[in-house]
């Protein structure tokens, strides 16, 4: 199997899933969109479930590559969180809620697998960010990294609850920025607040 060819297929299927949701896209739709036969398609995946899992893994790998481009050594802890905000806003512009709904309903095991991976990565990244911010004098020394990381994670999980926030609210430009600002203000020293205000001013401009 050629990995580059597989990635091209997964990238196009990812677009189909994001546009129409997972359930409504059939293997016939995929082969037609790709301009290949189903026989050729099945040389890369065994069935639709395998295709869904490979697309999720592809998306996860793409996000990891984007994170690698943001060298933490070049940015302070607050700048990194502002960059995370930009990344989340970009993702939400291309987000189709029906894709997540279909994933949870029709492929629960795949959903749980990547959901747990994502939770663990968020948790570790917040702890790392807090420790970095403390070392830079931007966050208070008394901040408990484990407690704050768990609180942040619970907040992220709540955001996906559409009974609390509407889709329009979540997609609004300032939504995640407000959440990030509250998070940073709860941690920041006087120096950290000065950096935050400077970044918010530049961001708004």
C-alpha atoms as a PDB file:
ATOM      1  CA  UNK A   1       0.000   0.000   0.000  1.00  0.00           C
ATOM      2  CA  UNK A   2       1.341   3.430  -0.988  1.00  0.00           C
ATOM      3  CA  UNK A   3       1.033   5.729   2.052  1.00  0.00           C
ATOM      4  CA  UNK A   4       0.982   8.922  -0.053  1.00  0.00           C
ATOM      5  CA  UNK A   5      -1.856   7.561  -2.179  1.00  0.00           C
ATOM      6  CA  UNK A   6      -3.761   6.546   0.954  1.00  0.00           C
ATOM      7  CA  UNK A   7      -3.348  10.035   2.443  1.00  0.00           C
ATOM      8  CA  UNK A   8      -4.731  11.612  -0.745  1.00  0.00           C
ATOM      9  CA  UNK A   9      -7.768   9.339  -0.475  1.00  0.00           C
ATOM     10  CA  UNK A  10      -8.259  10.080   3.241  1.00  0.00           C
ATOM     11  CA  UNK A  11      -7.967  13.830   2.683  1.00  0.00           C
ATOM     12  CA  UNK A  12     -10.740  13.756   0.073  1.00  0.00           C
ATOM     13  CA  UNK A  13     -12.932  11.482   2.182  1.00  0.00           C
ATOM     14  CA  UNK A  14     -12.383  13.807   5.150  1.00  0.00           C
ATOM     15  CA  UNK A  15     -13.848  16.637   3.058  1.00  0.00           C
ATOM     16  CA  UNK A  16     -16.864  14.471   2.165  1.00  0.00           C
ATOM     17  CA  UNK A  17     -17.481  13.571   5.820  1.00  0.00           C
ATOM     18  CA  UNK A  18     -17.176  17.195   6.906  1.00  0.00           C
ATOM     19  CA  UNK A  19     -19.531  18.357   4.176  1.00  0.00           C
ATOM     20  CA  UNK A  20     -22.237  15.690   4.398  1.00  0.00           C
ATOM     21  CA  UNK A  21     -21.662  13.811   7.651  1.00  0.00           C
ATOM     22  CA  UNK A  22     -20.467  10.220   7.910  1.00  0.00           C
ATOM     23  CA  UNK A  23     -23.688   8.212   7.645  1.00  0.00           C
ATOM     24  CA  UNK A  24     -24.895   9.702   4.356  1.00  0.00           C
ATOM     25  CA  UNK A  25     -21.589   9.089   2.534  1.00  0.00           C
ATOM     26  CA  UNK A  26     -21.508   5.602   1.037  1.00  0.00           C
ATOM     27  CA  UNK A  27     -18.559   3.666  -0.329  1.00  0.00           C
ATOM     28  CA  UNK A  28     -20.088   4.217  -3.783  1.00  0.00           C
ATOM     29  CA  UNK A  29     -20.006   7.971  -3.133  1.00  0.00           C
ATOM     30  CA  UNK A  30     -16.366   7.730  -2.096  1.00  0.00           C
ATOM     31  CA  UNK A  31     -15.253   5.746  -5.149  1.00  0.00           C
ATOM     32  CA  UNK A  32     -17.205   8.089  -7.428  1.00  0.00           C
ATOM     33  CA  UNK A  33     -15.700  11.200  -5.806  1.00  0.00           C
ATOM     34  CA  UNK A  34     -12.198   9.727  -6.041  1.00  0.00           C
ATOM     35  CA  UNK A  35     -12.693   8.543  -9.620  1.00  0.00           C
ATOM     36  CA  UNK A  36     -11.677   4.991  -8.763  1.00  0.00           C
ATOM     37  CA  UNK A  37     -13.490   1.662  -8.628  1.00  0.00           C
ATOM     38  CA  UNK A  38     -14.699   0.188  -5.341  1.00  0.00           C
ATOM     39  CA  UNK A  39     -12.321  -2.706  -5.982  1.00  0.00           C
ATOM     40  CA  UNK A  40      -9.397  -0.266  -5.990  1.00  0.00           C
ATOM     41  CA  UNK A  41     -10.779   1.499  -2.907  1.00  0.00           C
ATOM     42  CA  UNK A  42     -10.902  -1.800  -1.024  1.00  0.00           C
ATOM     43  CA  UNK A  43      -7.196  -2.244  -1.632  1.00  0.00           C
ATOM     44  CA  UNK A  44      -6.695   0.604   0.888  1.00  0.00           C
ATOM     45  CA  UNK A  45      -9.504  -0.084   3.380  1.00  0.00           C
ATOM     46  CA  UNK A  46     -11.400  -3.220   4.335  1.00  0.00           C
ATOM     47  CA  UNK A  47     -14.819  -1.581   4.849  1.00  0.00           C
ATOM     48  CA  UNK A  48     -16.459   1.720   5.764  1.00  0.00           C
ATOM     49  CA  UNK A  49     -15.680   1.345   9.459  1.00  0.00           C
ATOM     50  CA  UNK A  50     -12.003   0.918   8.606  1.00  0.00           C
ATOM     51  CA  UNK A  51     -12.252   3.989   6.362  1.00  0.00           C
ATOM     52  CA  UNK A  52     -13.810   6.061   9.158  1.00  0.00           C
ATOM     53  CA  UNK A  53     -11.070   5.050  11.593  1.00  0.00           C
ATOM     54  CA  UNK A  54      -8.327   5.813   9.079  1.00  0.00           C
ATOM     55  CA  UNK A  55      -9.841   9.251   8.346  1.00  0.00           C
ATOM     56  CA  UNK A  56      -9.934  10.029  12.086  1.00  0.00           C
ATOM     57  CA  UNK A  57      -6.312   8.926  12.444  1.00  0.00           C
ATOM     58  CA  UNK A  58      -5.388  11.066   9.424  1.00  0.00           C
ATOM     59  CA  UNK A  59      -7.076  14.119  10.964  1.00  0.00           C
ATOM     60  CA  UNK A  60      -5.315  13.479  14.244  1.00  0.00           C
ATOM     61  CA  UNK A  61      -1.938  13.215  12.494  1.00  0.00           C
ATOM     62  CA  UNK A  62      -2.599  16.463  10.601  1.00  0.00           C
ATOM     63  CA  UNK A  63      -3.329  18.304  13.846  1.00  0.00           C
ATOM     64  CA  UNK A  64      -0.118  16.917  15.358  1.00  0.00           C
ATOM     65  CA  UNK A  65       1.844  18.263  12.378  1.00  0.00           C
ATOM     66  CA  UNK A  66       0.276  21.708  12.852  1.00  0.00           C
ATOM     67  CA  UNK A  67       1.309  21.654  16.515  1.00  0.00           C
ATOM     68  CA  UNK A  68       4.890  20.827  15.525  1.00  0.00           C
ATOM     69  CA  UNK A  69       5.022  23.965  13.342  1.00  0.00           C
ATOM     70  CA  UNK A  70       4.395  26.095  16.441  1.00  0.00           C
ATOM     71  CA  UNK A  71       7.752  25.826  18.194  1.00  0.00           C
ATOM     72  CA  UNK A  72       7.033  26.353  21.930  1.00  0.00           C
ATOM     73  CA  UNK A  73      10.604  27.588  22.484  1.00  0.00           C
ATOM     74  CA  UNK A  74       9.847  30.638  20.319  1.00  0.00           C
ATOM     75  CA  UNK A  75       6.657  31.597  22.202  1.00  0.00           C
ATOM     76  CA  UNK A  76       5.773  32.215  25.818  1.00  0.00           C
ATOM     77  CA  UNK A  77       2.957  30.286  27.525  1.00  0.00           C
ATOM     78  CA  UNK A  78       0.309  32.938  26.855  1.00  0.00           C
ATOM     79  CA  UNK A  79       1.286  33.317  23.186  1.00  0.00           C
ATOM     80  CA  UNK A  80       0.959  29.559  22.754  1.00  0.00           C
ATOM     81  CA  UNK A  81      -2.595  29.606  24.151  1.00  0.00           C
ATOM     82  CA  UNK A  82      -3.520  32.471  21.812  1.00  0.00           C
ATOM     83  CA  UNK A  83      -2.218  30.377  18.913  1.00  0.00           C
ATOM     84  CA  UNK A  84      -4.341  27.463  20.148  1.00  0.00           C
ATOM     85  CA  UNK A  85      -7.348  29.794  20.042  1.00  0.00           C
ATOM     86  CA  UNK A  86      -6.633  30.613  16.382  1.00  0.00           C
ATOM     87  CA  UNK A  87      -6.302  26.923  15.572  1.00  0.00           C
ATOM     88  CA  UNK A  88      -9.617  26.066  17.265  1.00  0.00           C
ATOM     89  CA  UNK A  89     -11.403  28.906  15.439  1.00  0.00           C
ATOM     90  CA  UNK A  90     -10.087  27.605  12.121  1.00  0.00           C
ATOM     91  CA  UNK A  91     -11.257  24.082  12.947  1.00  0.00           C
ATOM     92  CA  UNK A  92     -14.728  25.301  13.917  1.00  0.00           C
ATOM     93  CA  UNK A  93     -15.171  27.062  10.570  1.00  0.00           C
ATOM     94  CA  UNK A  94     -14.852  23.650   8.885  1.00  0.00           C
ATOM     95  CA  UNK A  95     -16.739  21.741  11.570  1.00  0.00           C
ATOM     96  CA  UNK A  96     -19.878  19.793  10.678  1.00  0.00           C
ATOM     97  CA  UNK A  97     -21.782  18.814  13.868  1.00  0.00           C
ATOM     98  CA  UNK A  98     -23.467  15.920  12.040  1.00  0.00           C
ATOM     99  CA  UNK A  99     -20.044  14.294  11.580  1.00  0.00           C
ATOM    100  CA  UNK A 100     -19.526  14.106  15.350  1.00  0.00           C
ATOM    101  CA  UNK A 101     -23.129  12.986  15.861  1.00  0.00           C
ATOM    102  CA  UNK A 102     -22.765  10.179  13.305  1.00  0.00           C
ATOM    103  CA  UNK A 103     -19.453   9.130  14.792  1.00  0.00           C
ATOM    104  CA  UNK A 104     -20.929   8.849  18.306  1.00  0.00           C
ATOM    105  CA  UNK A 105     -24.068   7.040  17.153  1.00  0.00           C
ATOM    106  CA  UNK A 106     -22.815   4.650  14.471  1.00  0.00           C
ATOM    107  CA  UNK A 107     -19.142   4.177  15.383  1.00  0.00           C
ATOM    108  CA  UNK A 108     -19.090   4.493  19.200  1.00  0.00           C
ATOM    109  CA  UNK A 109     -15.898   2.469  19.707  1.00  0.00           C
ATOM    110  CA  UNK A 110     -13.962   4.614  17.230  1.00  0.00           C
ATOM    111  CA  UNK A 111     -15.415   7.752  18.829  1.00  0.00           C
ATOM    112  CA  UNK A 112     -14.383   6.642  22.334  1.00  0.00           C
ATOM    113  CA  UNK A 113     -10.879   5.740  21.177  1.00  0.00           C
ATOM    114  CA  UNK A 114     -10.120   9.150  19.677  1.00  0.00           C
ATOM    115  CA  UNK A 115     -12.087  11.003  22.352  1.00  0.00           C
ATOM    116  CA  UNK A 116      -9.868   9.488  25.059  1.00  0.00           C
ATOM    117  CA  UNK A 117      -6.717  10.236  23.047  1.00  0.00           C
ATOM    118  CA  UNK A 118      -7.817  13.839  22.601  1.00  0.00           C
ATOM    119  CA  UNK A 119      -8.648  14.262  26.291  1.00  0.00           C
ATOM    120  CA  UNK A 120      -5.264  12.917  27.335  1.00  0.00           C
ATOM    121  CA  UNK A 121      -3.421  15.202  24.915  1.00  0.00           C
ATOM    122  CA  UNK A 122      -5.347  18.292  26.063  1.00  0.00           C
ATOM    123  CA  UNK A 123      -4.687  17.397  29.702  1.00  0.00           C
ATOM    124  CA  UNK A 124      -0.944  16.972  29.148  1.00  0.00           C
ATOM    125  CA  UNK A 125      -0.654  20.134  27.039  1.00  0.00           C
ATOM    126  CA  UNK A 126      -2.362  22.267  29.718  1.00  0.00           C
ATOM    127  CA  UNK A 127      -0.078  20.924  32.448  1.00  0.00           C
ATOM    128  CA  UNK A 128       2.939  21.597  30.226  1.00  0.00           C
ATOM    129  CA  UNK A 129       1.678  25.115  29.484  1.00  0.00           C
ATOM    130  CA  UNK A 130       1.145  25.880  33.182  1.00  0.00           C
ATOM    131  CA  UNK A 131       4.630  24.706  34.111  1.00  0.00           C
ATOM    132  CA  UNK A 132       6.087  26.758  31.256  1.00  0.00           C
ATOM    133  CA  UNK A 133       4.134  29.847  32.338  1.00  0.00           C
ATOM    134  CA  UNK A 134       5.312  29.460  35.929  1.00  0.00           C
ATOM    135  CA  UNK A 135       8.910  29.272  34.778  1.00  0.00           C
ATOM    136  CA  UNK A 136       8.418  32.460  32.751  1.00  0.00           C
ATOM    137  CA  UNK A 137       6.844  34.292  35.678  1.00  0.00           C
ATOM    138  CA  UNK A 138       3.545  34.631  33.792  1.00  0.00           C
ATOM    139  CA  UNK A 139       1.524  32.259  36.001  1.00  0.00           C
ATOM    140  CA  UNK A 140       1.297  32.220  39.790  1.00  0.00           C
ATOM    141  CA  UNK A 141       3.516  29.685  41.605  1.00  0.00           C
ATOM    142  CA  UNK A 142       0.640  28.461  43.782  1.00  0.00           C
ATOM    143  CA  UNK A 143      -1.429  27.311  40.784  1.00  0.00           C
ATOM    144  CA  UNK A 144      -2.075  23.551  40.943  1.00  0.00           C
ATOM    145  CA  UNK A 145      -1.364  22.231  37.396  1.00  0.00           C
ATOM    146  CA  UNK A 146      -3.308  18.969  37.825  1.00  0.00           C
ATOM    147  CA  UNK A 147      -6.422  20.658  39.242  1.00  0.00           C
ATOM    148  CA  UNK A 148      -6.419  23.421  36.615  1.00  0.00           C
ATOM    149  CA  UNK A 149      -5.859  20.943  33.774  1.00  0.00           C
ATOM    150  CA  UNK A 150      -8.844  18.877  34.943  1.00  0.00           C
ATOM    151  CA  UNK A 151     -11.012  21.997  35.273  1.00  0.00           C
ATOM    152  CA  UNK A 152      -9.987  23.115  31.777  1.00  0.00           C
ATOM    153  CA  UNK A 153     -10.731  19.657  30.383  1.00  0.00           C
ATOM    154  CA  UNK A 154     -14.194  19.606  31.994  1.00  0.00           C
ATOM    155  CA  UNK A 155     -14.857  23.019  30.429  1.00  0.00           C
ATOM    156  CA  UNK A 156     -13.866  21.748  26.980  1.00  0.00           C
ATOM    157  CA  UNK A 157     -16.178  18.735  27.368  1.00  0.00           C
ATOM    158  CA  UNK A 158     -19.086  20.989  28.416  1.00  0.00           C
ATOM    159  CA  UNK A 159     -18.625  23.139  25.305  1.00  0.00           C
ATOM    160  CA  UNK A 160     -19.741  20.222  23.118  1.00  0.00           C
ATOM    161  CA  UNK A 161     -23.084  20.073  24.960  1.00  0.00           C
ATOM    162  CA  UNK A 162     -25.514  21.781  22.576  1.00  0.00           C
ATOM    163  CA  UNK A 163     -28.062  22.147  25.393  1.00  0.00           C
ATOM    164  CA  UNK A 164     -25.796  24.806  26.909  1.00  0.00           C
ATOM    165  CA  UNK A 165     -24.232  26.501  23.868  1.00  0.00           C
ATOM    166  CA  UNK A 166     -25.803  26.799  20.445  1.00  0.00           C
ATOM    167  CA  UNK A 167     -23.892  26.077  17.249  1.00  0.00           C
ATOM    168  CA  UNK A 168     -23.961  29.799  16.374  1.00  0.00           C
ATOM    169  CA  UNK A 169     -22.465  30.715  19.748  1.00  0.00           C
ATOM    170  CA  UNK A 170     -19.668  28.182  19.373  1.00  0.00           C
ATOM    171  CA  UNK A 171     -18.893  29.367  15.835  1.00  0.00           C
ATOM    172  CA  UNK A 172     -18.831  33.060  16.795  1.00  0.00           C
ATOM    173  CA  UNK A 173     -15.317  34.615  16.443  1.00  0.00           C
ATOM    174  CA  UNK A 174     -14.914  35.645  20.084  1.00  0.00           C
ATOM    175  CA  UNK A 175     -16.277  32.486  21.725  1.00  0.00           C
ATOM    176  CA  UNK A 176     -13.072  30.525  22.295  1.00  0.00           C
ATOM    177  CA  UNK A 177     -11.081  33.698  22.847  1.00  0.00           C
ATOM    178  CA  UNK A 178     -13.349  34.552  25.797  1.00  0.00           C
ATOM    179  CA  UNK A 179     -12.852  31.077  27.258  1.00  0.00           C
ATOM    180  CA  UNK A 180      -9.092  31.275  26.781  1.00  0.00           C
ATOM    181  CA  UNK A 181      -8.977  34.767  28.310  1.00  0.00           C
ATOM    182  CA  UNK A 182     -10.840  33.574  31.416  1.00  0.00           C
ATOM    183  CA  UNK A 183      -8.477  30.622  31.708  1.00  0.00           C
ATOM    184  CA  UNK A 184      -5.358  32.797  31.472  1.00  0.00           C
ATOM    185  CA  UNK A 185      -6.682  35.453  33.890  1.00  0.00           C
ATOM    186  CA  UNK A 186      -7.288  32.747  36.506  1.00  0.00           C
ATOM    187  CA  UNK A 187      -3.587  31.800  36.339  1.00  0.00           C
ATOM    188  CA  UNK A 188      -1.738  35.015  35.536  1.00  0.00           C
ATOM    189  CA  UNK A 189       0.628  37.093  37.625  1.00  0.00           C
ATOM    190  CA  UNK A 190       0.747  40.868  37.191  1.00  0.00           C
ATOM    191  CA  UNK A 191       3.365  40.302  34.499  1.00  0.00           C
ATOM    192  CA  UNK A 192       1.162  37.698  32.855  1.00  0.00           C
ATOM    193  CA  UNK A 193      -1.838  40.052  32.807  1.00  0.00           C
ATOM    194  CA  UNK A 194       0.299  42.712  31.122  1.00  0.00           C
ATOM    195  CA  UNK A 195       1.323  40.219  28.425  1.00  0.00           C
ATOM    196  CA  UNK A 196      -2.299  39.111  28.004  1.00  0.00           C
ATOM    197  CA  UNK A 197      -3.600  42.683  27.639  1.00  0.00           C
ATOM    198  CA  UNK A 198      -0.902  43.378  25.049  1.00  0.00           C
ATOM    199  CA  UNK A 199      -1.816  40.255  23.084  1.00  0.00           C
ATOM    200  CA  UNK A 200      -5.559  40.969  23.277  1.00  0.00           C
ATOM    201  CA  UNK A 201      -4.981  44.511  22.010  1.00  0.00           C
ATOM    202  CA  UNK A 202      -2.945  43.199  19.067  1.00  0.00           C
ATOM    203  CA  UNK A 203      -5.500  40.448  18.464  1.00  0.00           C
ATOM    204  CA  UNK A 204      -8.444  42.890  18.380  1.00  0.00           C
ATOM    205  CA  UNK A 205      -6.575  45.227  16.055  1.00  0.00           C
END
